Amino acid sequence: MLLADNSPLSEFVEANPDGVIVMLTAEWCGRPCDSLVPILERLESEHPHLTFVIADYEAQGDFMAEHDITAVPTVMAFVDGELRGATMFARNEAMIRLELSEVLNA
């Protein structure tokens, strides 16, 4: 899983049209954010055509505002640069798998 630098996430999303799963997190988030990382790592190994990235929300203010993100963790799915789905707050693995499946099959 990639760790985004401070470059704009919108550019990263546009540069990866096959699909990007973005997790927005914060240093202070702790357990809710940390619990998602292993789940996303497993999904990443199962979906090699997708790019998974973790980004610090504090470095992505414009992206947060553009997508009306108000909480972390937030996981967002983009295909062809278009937002296909987003979920805020920690979820269990079954819910994340279901949500991802719905987004990718839409």
Protein backbone atom coordinates (compact mmCIF):
# COMPACT_ATOMS: atom_id res chain seq x y z
CA MET A 1 0.00 0.00 0.00
CA LEU A 2 1.36 3.34 -0.99
CA LEU A 3 1.78 6.16 1.45
CA ALA A 4 0.92 9.40 -0.28
CA ASP A 5 3.26 12.32 0.03
CA ASN A 6 1.87 15.83 0.20
CA SER A 7 1.13 16.03 -3.53
CA PRO A 8 -2.54 16.47 -4.41
CA LEU A 9 -4.56 13.27 -4.21
CA SER A 10 -6.76 14.43 -7.07
CA GLU A 11 -3.74 14.23 -9.40
CA PHE A 12 -2.92 10.74 -8.11
CA VAL A 13 -6.51 9.59 -8.67
CA GLU A 14 -6.51 10.96 -12.23
CA ALA A 15 -3.19 9.24 -12.97
CA ASN A 16 -4.61 5.81 -12.02
CA PRO A 17 -7.80 5.33 -14.08
CA ASP A 18 -8.08 1.58 -13.42
CA GLY A 19 -9.11 2.30 -9.85
CA VAL A 20 -7.83 3.82 -6.65
CA ILE A 21 -8.82 3.02 -3.10
CA VAL A 22 -7.90 5.96 -0.87
CA MET A 23 -7.81 5.78 2.90
CA LEU A 24 -7.70 9.16 4.57
CA THR A 25 -6.27 9.00 8.05
CA ALA A 26 -4.64 11.15 10.70
CA GLU A 27 -1.76 10.62 13.07
CA TRP A 28 -4.09 11.05 16.05
CA CYS A 29 -6.74 8.63 14.72
CA GLY A 30 -5.20 5.57 16.36
CA ARG A 31 -7.11 2.32 16.58
CA PRO A 32 -10.01 3.08 14.18
CA CYS A 33 -7.56 3.92 11.39
CA ASP A 34 -5.01 1.29 12.32
CA SER A 35 -7.66 -1.45 12.25
CA LEU A 36 -8.40 -0.78 8.57
CA VAL A 37 -4.83 -1.12 7.32
CA PRO A 38 -4.57 -4.95 7.45
CA ILE A 39 -8.01 -5.27 5.86
CA LEU A 40 -7.02 -2.99 3.00
CA GLU A 41 -3.71 -4.83 2.61
CA ARG A 42 -5.59 -8.13 2.15
CA LEU A 43 -7.92 -6.52 -0.38
CA GLU A 44 -4.94 -5.03 -2.20
CA SER A 45 -3.44 -8.50 -2.66
CA GLU A 46 -6.77 -9.75 -4.04
CA HIS A 47 -7.26 -6.80 -6.43
CA PRO A 48 -3.89 -6.18 -8.13
CA HIS A 49 -5.52 -3.97 -10.78
CA LEU A 50 -6.41 -1.40 -8.11
CA THR A 51 -4.02 1.05 -6.49
CA PHE A 52 -4.35 1.41 -2.73
CA VAL A 53 -3.08 4.55 -1.03
CA ILE A 54 -3.08 5.96 2.49
CA ALA A 55 -3.07 9.72 2.86
CA ASP A 56 -2.92 12.08 5.81
CA TYR A 57 -6.02 14.23 5.76
CA GLU A 58 -4.14 17.23 7.16
CA ALA A 59 -1.97 17.31 4.04
CA GLN A 60 -4.99 16.95 1.74
CA GLY A 61 -7.21 19.87 2.72
CA ASP A 62 -8.29 20.69 -0.83
CA PHE A 63 -9.17 17.05 -1.53
CA MET A 64 -11.10 16.81 1.75
CA ALA A 65 -13.06 19.96 0.94
CA GLU A 66 -13.72 18.89 -2.67
CA HIS A 67 -15.26 15.62 -1.49
CA ASP A 68 -16.89 16.99 1.68
CA ILE A 69 -14.90 14.67 3.95
CA THR A 70 -15.40 15.50 7.61
CA ALA A 71 -14.17 12.42 9.46
CA VAL A 72 -11.38 9.90 9.51
CA PRO A 73 -10.93 7.19 8.70
CA THR A 74 -12.57 7.62 5.33
CA VAL A 75 -12.16 5.07 2.56
CA MET A 76 -13.00 6.18 -0.97
CA ALA A 77 -13.12 4.27 -4.25
CA PHE A 78 -12.41 5.94 -7.59
CA VAL A 79 -12.62 4.47 -11.09
CA ASP A 80 -11.68 6.54 -14.13
CA GLY A 81 -11.09 9.47 -11.79
CA GLU A 82 -14.71 9.40 -10.67
CA LEU A 83 -15.78 8.85 -7.07
CA ARG A 84 -17.76 5.59 -6.96
CA GLY A 85 -18.23 5.28 -3.21
CA ALA A 86 -17.03 6.38 0.18
CA THR A 87 -17.42 5.25 3.74
CA MET A 88 -16.49 7.05 6.92
CA PHE A 89 -15.47 5.48 10.21
CA ALA A 90 -14.04 2.03 10.79
CA ARG A 91 -15.87 -0.97 9.35
CA ASN A 92 -15.36 -4.69 9.77
CA GLU A 93 -13.84 -6.66 6.93
CA ALA A 94 -17.13 -8.16 5.74
CA MET A 95 -18.70 -4.71 5.37
CA ILE A 96 -15.68 -3.33 3.52
CA ARG A 97 -15.66 -6.31 1.14
CA LEU A 98 -19.37 -5.88 0.45
CA GLU A 99 -19.04 -2.13 -0.14
CA LEU A 100 -16.03 -2.59 -2.43
CA SER A 101 -17.81 -5.30 -4.39
CA GLU A 102 -20.85 -3.06 -4.88
CA VAL A 103 -18.66 -0.17 -6.04
CA LEU A 104 -16.60 -2.23 -8.47
CA ASN A 105 -19.63 -3.96 -9.95
CA ALA A 106 -21.64 -0.75 -10.42
